[in-house]
């Protein structure tokens, strides 16, 4: 079985293909894709703010809010655009104290 594009575990994912006519244009097209995704997603979900980071080694975070990361992963021209719930101790502590509290 071949390898495919990575994305965060538990993420909602959409796939597309990054096509270029010239290999020298790949970096330009990838930057344009990241910028376009960030702009459109931030317009649709104003609570997401720009963030530079990674989930693992292959999943680039473009935007983040208190609850989720939104990002992009690429492998061999196949692109995964994803949004995934935070998976860190600070998030789970806050979630446990608010959502599971009898006062919530």
N, C-alpha and C. Protein backbone atom coordinates (compact mmCIF):
# COMPACT_ATOMS: atom_id res chain seq x y z
N UNK A 1 0.84 -1.17 0.00
CA UNK A 1 0.00 0.00 0.00
C UNK A 1 0.88 1.24 0.00
N UNK A 2 0.55 2.24 -0.81
CA UNK A 2 1.34 3.46 -0.93
C UNK A 2 1.05 4.45 0.17
N UNK A 3 1.89 5.41 0.28
CA UNK A 3 1.74 6.47 1.27
C UNK A 3 0.80 7.53 0.71
N UNK A 4 0.09 8.21 1.61
CA UNK A 4 -0.81 9.27 1.21
C UNK A 4 -0.51 10.53 2.02
N UNK A 5 -1.26 11.58 1.76
CA UNK A 5 -1.07 12.83 2.47
C UNK A 5 -1.49 12.67 3.93
N UNK A 6 -0.75 13.31 4.81
CA UNK A 6 -1.03 13.26 6.24
C UNK A 6 -2.09 14.28 6.61
N UNK A 7 -2.80 14.03 7.70
CA UNK A 7 -3.66 15.03 8.33
C UNK A 7 -3.85 14.62 9.77
N UNK A 8 -4.24 15.56 10.60
CA UNK A 8 -4.34 15.32 12.03
C UNK A 8 -5.42 14.29 12.35
N UNK A 9 -5.15 13.48 13.33
CA UNK A 9 -6.09 12.47 13.77
C UNK A 9 -7.39 13.13 14.25
N UNK A 10 -8.52 12.61 13.82
CA UNK A 10 -9.82 13.12 14.22
C UNK A 10 -10.25 14.38 13.48
N UNK A 11 -9.50 14.79 12.48
CA UNK A 11 -9.79 16.03 11.76
C UNK A 11 -10.91 15.85 10.75
N UNK A 12 -11.61 16.94 10.46
CA UNK A 12 -12.50 17.02 9.30
C UNK A 12 -11.60 17.44 8.15
N UNK A 13 -11.66 16.71 7.03
CA UNK A 13 -10.68 16.90 5.97
C UNK A 13 -11.35 17.06 4.61
N UNK A 14 -10.79 17.94 3.80
CA UNK A 14 -11.15 18.07 2.38
C UNK A 14 -9.86 17.92 1.59
N UNK A 15 -9.95 17.30 0.43
CA UNK A 15 -8.76 17.05 -0.38
C UNK A 15 -8.85 17.82 -1.69
N UNK A 16 -7.70 18.22 -2.19
CA UNK A 16 -7.58 18.83 -3.51
C UNK A 16 -6.20 18.48 -4.05
N UNK A 17 -5.93 18.91 -5.26
CA UNK A 17 -4.65 18.65 -5.90
C UNK A 17 -3.97 19.98 -6.22
N UNK A 18 -2.70 20.06 -5.92
CA UNK A 18 -1.90 21.25 -6.24
C UNK A 18 -1.18 20.95 -7.55
N UNK A 19 -1.67 21.58 -8.61
CA UNK A 19 -1.12 21.32 -9.93
C UNK A 19 -0.31 22.52 -10.41
N UNK A 20 0.85 22.24 -10.97
CA UNK A 20 1.67 23.28 -11.58
C UNK A 20 2.14 22.77 -12.94
N UNK A 21 2.26 23.69 -13.87
CA UNK A 21 2.76 23.31 -15.19
C UNK A 21 4.28 23.22 -15.19
N UNK A 22 4.91 23.95 -14.29
CA UNK A 22 6.36 23.97 -14.21
C UNK A 22 6.76 23.68 -12.77
N UNK A 23 7.70 22.78 -12.54
CA UNK A 23 8.12 22.44 -11.18
C UNK A 23 8.66 23.63 -10.41
N UNK A 24 9.19 24.62 -11.12
CA UNK A 24 9.72 25.82 -10.46
C UNK A 24 8.61 26.66 -9.83
N UNK A 25 7.36 26.46 -10.27
CA UNK A 25 6.23 27.23 -9.76
C UNK A 25 5.61 26.61 -8.51
N UNK A 26 6.06 25.43 -8.11
CA UNK A 26 5.41 24.71 -7.01
C UNK A 26 5.41 25.52 -5.73
N UNK A 27 6.54 26.10 -5.35
CA UNK A 27 6.63 26.87 -4.10
C UNK A 27 5.69 28.07 -4.13
N UNK A 28 5.62 28.76 -5.27
CA UNK A 28 4.72 29.90 -5.43
C UNK A 28 3.26 29.46 -5.26
N UNK A 29 2.88 28.37 -5.92
CA UNK A 29 1.50 27.88 -5.85
C UNK A 29 1.15 27.43 -4.43
N UNK A 30 2.08 26.81 -3.74
CA UNK A 30 1.84 26.36 -2.36
C UNK A 30 1.64 27.56 -1.43
N UNK A 31 2.47 28.60 -1.58
CA UNK A 31 2.31 29.80 -0.77
C UNK A 31 0.97 30.47 -1.07
N UNK A 32 0.60 30.56 -2.35
CA UNK A 32 -0.67 31.14 -2.73
C UNK A 32 -1.83 30.36 -2.10
N UNK A 33 -1.75 29.04 -2.14
CA UNK A 33 -2.79 28.19 -1.54
C UNK A 33 -2.92 28.46 -0.05
N UNK A 34 -1.80 28.50 0.66
CA UNK A 34 -1.84 28.76 2.11
C UNK A 34 -2.44 30.13 2.40
N UNK A 35 -2.03 31.15 1.66
CA UNK A 35 -2.55 32.50 1.88
C UNK A 35 -4.04 32.57 1.58
N UNK A 36 -4.46 31.96 0.48
CA UNK A 36 -5.88 31.97 0.10
C UNK A 36 -6.74 31.23 1.13
N UNK A 37 -6.26 30.07 1.57
CA UNK A 37 -7.01 29.32 2.59
C UNK A 37 -7.12 30.11 3.88
N UNK A 38 -6.03 30.74 4.28
CA UNK A 38 -6.05 31.53 5.52
C UNK A 38 -7.04 32.68 5.42
N UNK A 39 -7.02 33.38 4.32
CA UNK A 39 -7.91 34.53 4.13
C UNK A 39 -9.38 34.12 4.12
N UNK A 40 -9.70 33.10 3.35
CA UNK A 40 -11.10 32.65 3.25
C UNK A 40 -11.61 32.06 4.56
N UNK A 41 -10.78 31.28 5.21
CA UNK A 41 -11.20 30.65 6.46
C UNK A 41 -11.39 31.68 7.56
N UNK A 42 -10.48 32.64 7.66
CA UNK A 42 -10.60 33.70 8.67
C UNK A 42 -11.85 34.55 8.43
N UNK A 43 -12.20 34.75 7.17
CA UNK A 43 -13.41 35.52 6.86
C UNK A 43 -14.67 34.74 7.26
N UNK A 44 -14.64 33.43 7.09
CA UNK A 44 -15.79 32.60 7.44
C UNK A 44 -15.89 32.34 8.94
N UNK A 45 -14.73 32.25 9.60
CA UNK A 45 -14.68 31.96 11.04
C UNK A 45 -13.77 32.97 11.72
N UNK A 46 -14.30 34.14 12.09
CA UNK A 46 -13.47 35.22 12.62
C UNK A 46 -12.70 34.89 13.90
N UNK A 47 -13.11 33.86 14.63
CA UNK A 47 -12.38 33.53 15.86
C UNK A 47 -11.04 32.86 15.57
N UNK A 48 -10.84 32.36 14.35
CA UNK A 48 -9.57 31.76 13.98
C UNK A 48 -8.58 32.87 13.63
N UNK A 49 -7.41 32.82 14.25
CA UNK A 49 -6.39 33.83 14.00
C UNK A 49 -5.16 33.16 13.40
N UNK A 50 -4.37 33.89 12.64
CA UNK A 50 -3.18 33.30 12.03
C UNK A 50 -2.25 32.71 13.08
N UNK A 51 -1.68 31.57 12.73
CA UNK A 51 -0.77 30.87 13.64
C UNK A 51 0.27 30.15 12.79
N UNK A 52 1.50 30.23 13.19
CA UNK A 52 2.56 29.50 12.51
C UNK A 52 3.00 28.37 13.41
N UNK A 53 2.74 27.15 12.99
CA UNK A 53 3.11 26.00 13.80
C UNK A 53 2.83 24.70 13.07
N UNK A 54 3.10 23.62 13.75
CA UNK A 54 2.95 22.30 13.17
C UNK A 54 2.26 21.37 14.15
N UNK A 55 1.49 20.44 13.63
CA UNK A 55 0.96 19.31 14.40
C UNK A 55 1.72 18.11 13.86
N UNK A 56 2.62 17.60 14.65
CA UNK A 56 3.48 16.54 14.16
C UNK A 56 4.53 17.13 13.22
N UNK A 57 4.98 16.31 12.25
CA UNK A 57 6.03 16.76 11.35
C UNK A 57 5.52 17.22 10.00
N UNK A 58 4.27 16.90 9.65
CA UNK A 58 3.80 17.15 8.30
C UNK A 58 2.56 18.02 8.20
N UNK A 59 1.93 18.32 9.30
CA UNK A 59 0.66 19.04 9.28
C UNK A 59 0.86 20.49 9.72
N UNK A 60 0.83 21.40 8.77
CA UNK A 60 1.09 22.82 9.03
C UNK A 60 -0.18 23.52 9.52
N UNK A 61 -0.09 24.17 10.68
CA UNK A 61 -1.21 24.94 11.22
C UNK A 61 -1.17 26.33 10.59
N UNK A 62 -2.30 26.73 10.01
CA UNK A 62 -2.42 28.07 9.42
C UNK A 62 -3.17 29.03 10.34
N UNK A 63 -4.21 28.51 11.00
CA UNK A 63 -5.08 29.32 11.86
C UNK A 63 -5.40 28.53 13.12
N UNK A 64 -5.72 29.27 14.18
CA UNK A 64 -6.01 28.60 15.45
C UNK A 64 -6.96 29.47 16.26
N UNK A 65 -7.80 28.82 17.06
CA UNK A 65 -8.55 29.53 18.10
C UNK A 65 -8.46 28.69 19.37
N UNK A 66 -9.27 29.00 20.34
CA UNK A 66 -9.21 28.30 21.62
C UNK A 66 -9.50 26.81 21.49
N UNK A 67 -10.28 26.45 20.50
CA UNK A 67 -10.77 25.08 20.41
C UNK A 67 -10.14 24.22 19.32
N UNK A 68 -9.67 24.82 18.24
CA UNK A 68 -9.24 24.02 17.10
C UNK A 68 -8.08 24.65 16.35
N UNK A 69 -7.39 23.78 15.59
CA UNK A 69 -6.37 24.19 14.64
C UNK A 69 -6.91 23.94 13.25
N UNK A 70 -6.59 24.82 12.33
CA UNK A 70 -6.96 24.66 10.93
C UNK A 70 -5.67 24.70 10.13
N UNK A 71 -5.49 23.75 9.23
CA UNK A 71 -4.22 23.71 8.53
C UNK A 71 -4.26 22.98 7.21
N UNK A 72 -3.07 22.75 6.70
CA UNK A 72 -2.90 22.14 5.40
C UNK A 72 -1.72 21.17 5.46
N UNK A 73 -1.84 20.07 4.72
CA UNK A 73 -0.77 19.10 4.59
C UNK A 73 -0.66 18.75 3.11
N UNK A 74 0.56 18.56 2.65
CA UNK A 74 0.79 18.27 1.22
C UNK A 74 1.72 17.08 1.09
N UNK A 75 1.40 16.21 0.14
CA UNK A 75 2.30 15.12 -0.21
C UNK A 75 2.13 14.80 -1.69
N UNK A 76 3.19 15.00 -2.44
CA UNK A 76 3.17 14.66 -3.86
C UNK A 76 2.08 15.35 -4.66
N UNK A 77 1.75 16.57 -4.32
CA UNK A 77 0.71 17.30 -5.05
C UNK A 77 -0.68 17.13 -4.48
N UNK A 78 -0.91 16.12 -3.64
CA UNK A 78 -2.20 15.94 -2.99
C UNK A 78 -2.23 16.80 -1.73
N UNK A 79 -3.29 17.57 -1.58
CA UNK A 79 -3.41 18.51 -0.47
C UNK A 79 -4.57 18.12 0.43
N UNK A 80 -4.33 18.09 1.73
CA UNK A 80 -5.38 17.88 2.71
C UNK A 80 -5.57 19.20 3.46
N UNK A 81 -6.77 19.74 3.41
CA UNK A 81 -7.13 20.93 4.19
C UNK A 81 -7.95 20.41 5.35
N UNK A 82 -7.57 20.71 6.57
CA UNK A 82 -8.20 20.08 7.72
C UNK A 82 -8.45 21.07 8.85
N UNK A 83 -9.38 20.68 9.71
CA UNK A 83 -9.62 21.38 10.97
C UNK A 83 -9.77 20.31 12.03
N UNK A 84 -9.06 20.50 13.14
CA UNK A 84 -9.03 19.47 14.19
C UNK A 84 -9.08 20.11 15.57
N UNK A 85 -9.79 19.43 16.45
CA UNK A 85 -9.88 19.87 17.84
C UNK A 85 -8.49 19.85 18.47
N UNK A 86 -8.25 20.81 19.37
CA UNK A 86 -6.97 20.82 20.09
C UNK A 86 -6.80 19.51 20.83
N UNK A 87 -5.56 19.11 20.97
CA UNK A 87 -5.26 17.87 21.68
C UNK A 87 -4.05 18.11 22.59
N UNK A 88 -4.19 19.08 23.48
CA UNK A 88 -3.12 19.34 24.43
C UNK A 88 -3.69 19.44 25.83
N UNK A 89 -2.84 19.34 26.82
CA UNK A 89 -3.31 19.28 28.21
C UNK A 89 -4.02 20.57 28.64
N UNK A 90 -3.57 21.73 28.18
CA UNK A 90 -4.22 22.99 28.57
C UNK A 90 -5.66 23.02 28.07
N UNK A 91 -5.88 22.58 26.84
CA UNK A 91 -7.24 22.55 26.29
C UNK A 91 -8.12 21.58 27.06
N UNK A 92 -7.63 20.38 27.30
CA UNK A 92 -8.44 19.38 27.99
C UNK A 92 -8.72 19.78 29.43
N UNK A 93 -7.78 20.43 30.10
CA UNK A 93 -8.02 20.92 31.46
C UNK A 93 -9.11 21.98 31.46
N UNK A 94 -9.05 22.92 30.52
CA UNK A 94 -10.06 23.97 30.44
C UNK A 94 -11.42 23.37 30.09
N UNK A 95 -11.44 22.42 29.17
CA UNK A 95 -12.70 21.78 28.77
C UNK A 95 -13.30 21.00 29.94
N UNK A 96 -12.47 20.32 30.68
CA UNK A 96 -12.95 19.53 31.81
C UNK A 96 -13.52 20.43 32.89
N UNK A 97 -12.87 21.56 33.15
CA UNK A 97 -13.34 22.45 34.20
C UNK A 97 -14.59 23.21 33.83
N UNK A 98 -14.87 23.41 32.57
CA UNK A 98 -16.05 24.17 32.17
C UNK A 98 -17.21 23.27 31.73
N UNK A 99 -16.97 22.43 30.76
CA UNK A 99 -18.07 21.63 30.19
C UNK A 99 -18.56 20.55 31.14
N UNK A 100 -17.69 20.00 31.95
CA UNK A 100 -18.10 18.90 32.83
C UNK A 100 -18.47 19.36 34.25
N UNK A 101 -18.32 20.65 34.45
CA UNK A 101 -18.62 21.19 35.77
C UNK A 101 -20.14 21.23 35.98
N UNK A 102 -20.61 20.91 37.20
CA UNK A 102 -22.04 21.02 37.46
C UNK A 102 -22.55 22.45 37.32
N UNK A 103 -21.63 23.43 37.42
CA UNK A 103 -22.02 24.82 37.29
C UNK A 103 -22.12 25.24 35.82
N UNK A 104 -21.64 24.44 34.90
CA UNK A 104 -21.62 24.84 33.47
C UNK A 104 -23.00 24.76 32.88
